[in-house]
Structures are given as C-alpha cells and as structure tokens.
Amino acid sequence: MTDRTLFPDDRPDNLPHNHTATSKLAAESMRPFAGPQLMRVFRFLESRSDRGATDEEQQDALNMSGNSQRPRRNRLVELGRVKGSANMRMNRSGRPATVWIAVPPDQVQPMRSEANWPTDGKSNPNNANSAEFVPDFTI
C-alpha cells in the first residue's frame, strides 16, 4: 500500500513506457506493483542514509529486476525524494555508478508546475482579469 502523504502525486496509472505495444503492456501489468515497489526502493535508500546505493546494489538487496527498480528510482527522483550523491561506486562490470540517496523530508523541494504559458507579468493567468477574453461561438 502506498503512503499517500509521502507520495501524494504517485499515480500508478501513469506508469512510464516508450510507446511501443510491448512497453505499454508491461507498464499496464505493473500497475498493482508500482506503488509497493516505489515504497520498497525509497525505504531501502532511506535505511542506507548517506551510504546510499547504486542501482545494482538496490536491485540485489531488494531482489528486484533492473526493469522494475530503475523506473521506481526515476519516479522518486522526479518527486524529489531521491537524488544522486556526489559519490560513485564501481558496479560488477567495473564501471562507475551513481550512488543514490534518500532526500531528508525537511529538504524535499515543492514540486514545480510544468505550465509554460505567458502570464504577461501577472501572478495568476487563470484570473478573469488577466486572461484574454474569448467569446463563445456556435457552429
């Protein structure tokens, strides 16, 4: 079960996919598991404190495939609950990998709006006094 106070904007119905049929099917099949997996990844990173964990370390510790773990970690990054640290550790292939850490609750930044409309310097473009009037019409 997902803690809605921790992740109020987590919507398992909005799972990422690359728009191919198989990716969409895979995303749909993950719908019931995405929230719990998100919490497992977050709680694991939270338990690691400043030591954090690479993606590979998370996958090993949680017994979770990379195809499940990485999208959950990416979503946590989007939510501002996880970030890449300045540290890297070598993975099994001998390449450096980012060490991911949980962001303490008091340091989580509010989510930014993705709206990109002109406001003409007005603080609320939805206000009737600031929006351009568009008359109703009938066809």
Protein backbone atom coordinates (compact mmCIF):
# COMPACT_ATOMS: atom_id res chain seq x y z
CA MET A 1 0.00 0.00 0.00
CA THR A 2 1.34 3.44 -0.92
CA ASP A 3 1.67 6.11 1.75
CA ARG A 4 -0.29 8.95 0.10
CA THR A 5 1.13 11.55 2.49
CA LEU A 6 4.65 10.60 1.41
CA PHE A 7 3.90 10.34 -2.31
CA PRO A 8 0.71 12.33 -2.95
CA ASP A 9 1.34 12.60 -6.70
CA ASP A 10 2.23 8.95 -7.30
CA ARG A 11 -0.20 7.65 -9.87
CA PRO A 12 0.42 4.02 -10.83
CA ASP A 13 -1.98 4.58 -13.75
CA ASN A 14 0.60 6.95 -15.22
CA LEU A 15 3.43 4.43 -15.50
CA PRO A 16 6.28 5.22 -17.89
CA HIS A 17 6.64 3.38 -21.16
CA ASN A 18 8.31 4.03 -24.51
CA HIS A 19 5.06 3.94 -26.52
CA THR A 20 5.64 0.51 -28.07
CA ALA A 21 2.92 -2.10 -27.68
CA THR A 22 5.09 -4.33 -25.50
CA SER A 23 6.18 -1.43 -23.30
CA LYS A 24 2.57 -0.31 -22.79
CA LEU A 25 1.56 -3.88 -21.90
CA ALA A 26 4.46 -4.17 -19.47
CA ALA A 27 3.54 -0.86 -17.83
CA GLU A 28 -0.10 -1.95 -17.52
CA SER A 29 0.92 -5.28 -15.98
CA MET A 30 2.94 -3.38 -13.34
CA ARG A 31 0.01 -1.22 -12.21
CA PRO A 32 -0.69 -3.19 -8.99
CA PHE A 33 3.01 -3.42 -8.10
CA ALA A 34 4.35 0.06 -8.85
CA GLY A 35 3.28 1.73 -5.58
CA PRO A 36 4.61 -1.00 -3.28
CA GLN A 37 7.85 -1.20 -5.26
CA LEU A 38 8.23 2.57 -5.06
CA MET A 39 7.97 2.35 -1.29
CA ARG A 40 10.43 -0.56 -1.10
CA VAL A 41 13.07 1.35 -3.09
CA PHE A 42 12.52 4.52 -1.05
CA ARG A 43 12.60 2.76 2.33
CA PHE A 44 15.76 0.88 1.33
CA LEU A 45 17.57 4.07 0.32
CA GLU A 46 16.30 5.80 3.44
CA SER A 47 17.72 2.97 5.57
CA ARG A 48 21.12 3.40 3.90
CA SER A 49 21.38 7.04 5.00
CA ASP A 50 24.38 8.81 3.43
CA ARG A 51 25.86 5.50 2.25
CA GLY A 52 23.10 5.25 -0.34
CA ALA A 53 23.14 2.57 -3.02
CA THR A 54 23.79 2.20 -6.71
CA ASP A 55 21.01 0.85 -8.90
CA GLU A 56 22.73 -2.52 -8.96
CA GLU A 57 23.02 -2.58 -5.16
CA GLN A 58 19.33 -1.73 -4.85
CA GLN A 59 18.38 -4.50 -7.27
CA ASP A 60 20.48 -7.05 -5.37
CA ALA A 61 19.26 -6.04 -1.91
CA LEU A 62 15.59 -5.85 -2.93
CA ASN A 63 15.68 -8.88 -5.25
CA MET A 64 14.16 -6.66 -7.93
CA SER A 65 15.00 -6.62 -11.63
CA GLY A 66 16.51 -3.51 -13.14
CA ASN A 67 13.41 -3.13 -15.32
CA SER A 68 11.36 -2.72 -12.13
CA GLN A 69 13.82 -0.92 -9.86
CA ARG A 70 15.09 1.79 -12.25
CA PRO A 71 11.63 3.20 -13.12
CA ARG A 72 10.76 3.33 -9.41
CA ARG A 73 14.04 5.13 -8.60
CA ASN A 74 13.46 7.51 -11.54
CA ARG A 75 9.99 8.34 -10.19
CA LEU A 76 11.46 9.01 -6.74
CA VAL A 77 13.96 11.39 -8.35
CA GLU A 78 11.09 13.16 -10.17
CA LEU A 79 9.26 13.51 -6.86
CA GLY A 80 12.38 14.99 -5.24
CA ARG A 81 12.56 12.15 -2.69
CA VAL A 82 15.82 10.66 -4.04
CA LYS A 83 18.87 12.28 -5.56
CA GLY A 84 22.23 11.29 -6.94
CA SER A 85 25.02 11.86 -4.45
CA ALA A 86 28.48 13.13 -5.32
CA ASN A 87 29.77 9.57 -4.80
CA MET A 88 30.15 6.75 -7.26
CA ARG A 89 30.95 3.09 -6.77
CA MET A 90 32.07 0.50 -9.25
CA ASN A 91 29.41 -1.92 -10.44
CA ARG A 92 30.03 -5.55 -11.40
CA SER A 93 31.18 -4.58 -14.88
CA GLY A 94 33.85 -2.33 -13.37
CA ARG A 95 32.18 0.91 -14.45
CA PRO A 96 31.42 3.78 -12.08
CA ALA A 97 27.78 4.01 -11.00
CA THR A 98 25.89 6.81 -9.29
CA VAL A 99 25.17 6.33 -5.60
CA TRP A 100 21.55 7.31 -4.93
CA ILE A 101 20.43 8.66 -1.55
CA ALA A 102 17.06 9.49 0.02
CA VAL A 103 16.36 13.18 0.49
CA PRO A 104 15.50 14.00 4.12
CA PRO A 105 11.85 15.11 4.45
CA ASP A 106 12.83 18.61 5.60
CA GLN A 107 14.89 19.10 2.41
CA VAL A 108 12.28 17.99 -0.13
CA GLN A 109 11.55 20.81 -2.56
CA PRO A 110 7.95 21.54 -3.54
CA MET A 111 7.07 20.18 -6.97
CA ARG A 112 7.26 22.76 -9.72
CA SER A 113 4.46 23.41 -12.14
CA GLU A 114 5.14 22.36 -15.70
CA ALA A 115 2.84 25.06 -17.05
CA ASN A 116 4.54 27.14 -19.69
CA TRP A 117 2.03 29.78 -20.72
CA PRO A 118 2.70 33.52 -20.92
CA THR A 119 1.43 35.45 -17.92
CA ASP A 120 2.32 39.00 -19.01
CA GLY A 121 3.77 39.53 -15.56
CA LYS A 122 0.52 38.63 -13.81
CA SER A 123 0.66 36.13 -10.97
CA ASN A 124 -2.48 34.21 -11.93
CA PRO A 125 -3.10 33.78 -15.66
CA ASN A 126 -6.38 31.99 -14.88
CA ASN A 127 -7.84 35.09 -13.25
CA ALA A 128 -10.61 36.58 -15.40
CA ASN A 129 -8.92 39.99 -15.24
CA SER A 130 -5.65 38.65 -16.59
CA ALA A 131 -6.80 36.21 -19.26
CA GLU A 132 -7.72 37.21 -22.78
CA PHE A 133 -11.48 37.15 -23.36
CA VAL A 134 -12.58 34.50 -25.87
CA PRO A 135 -16.26 34.75 -26.77
CA ASP A 136 -18.41 31.64 -27.03
CA PHE A 137 -19.48 30.72 -30.53
CA THR A 138 -21.92 28.34 -32.19
CA ILE A 139 -21.36 26.32 -35.31
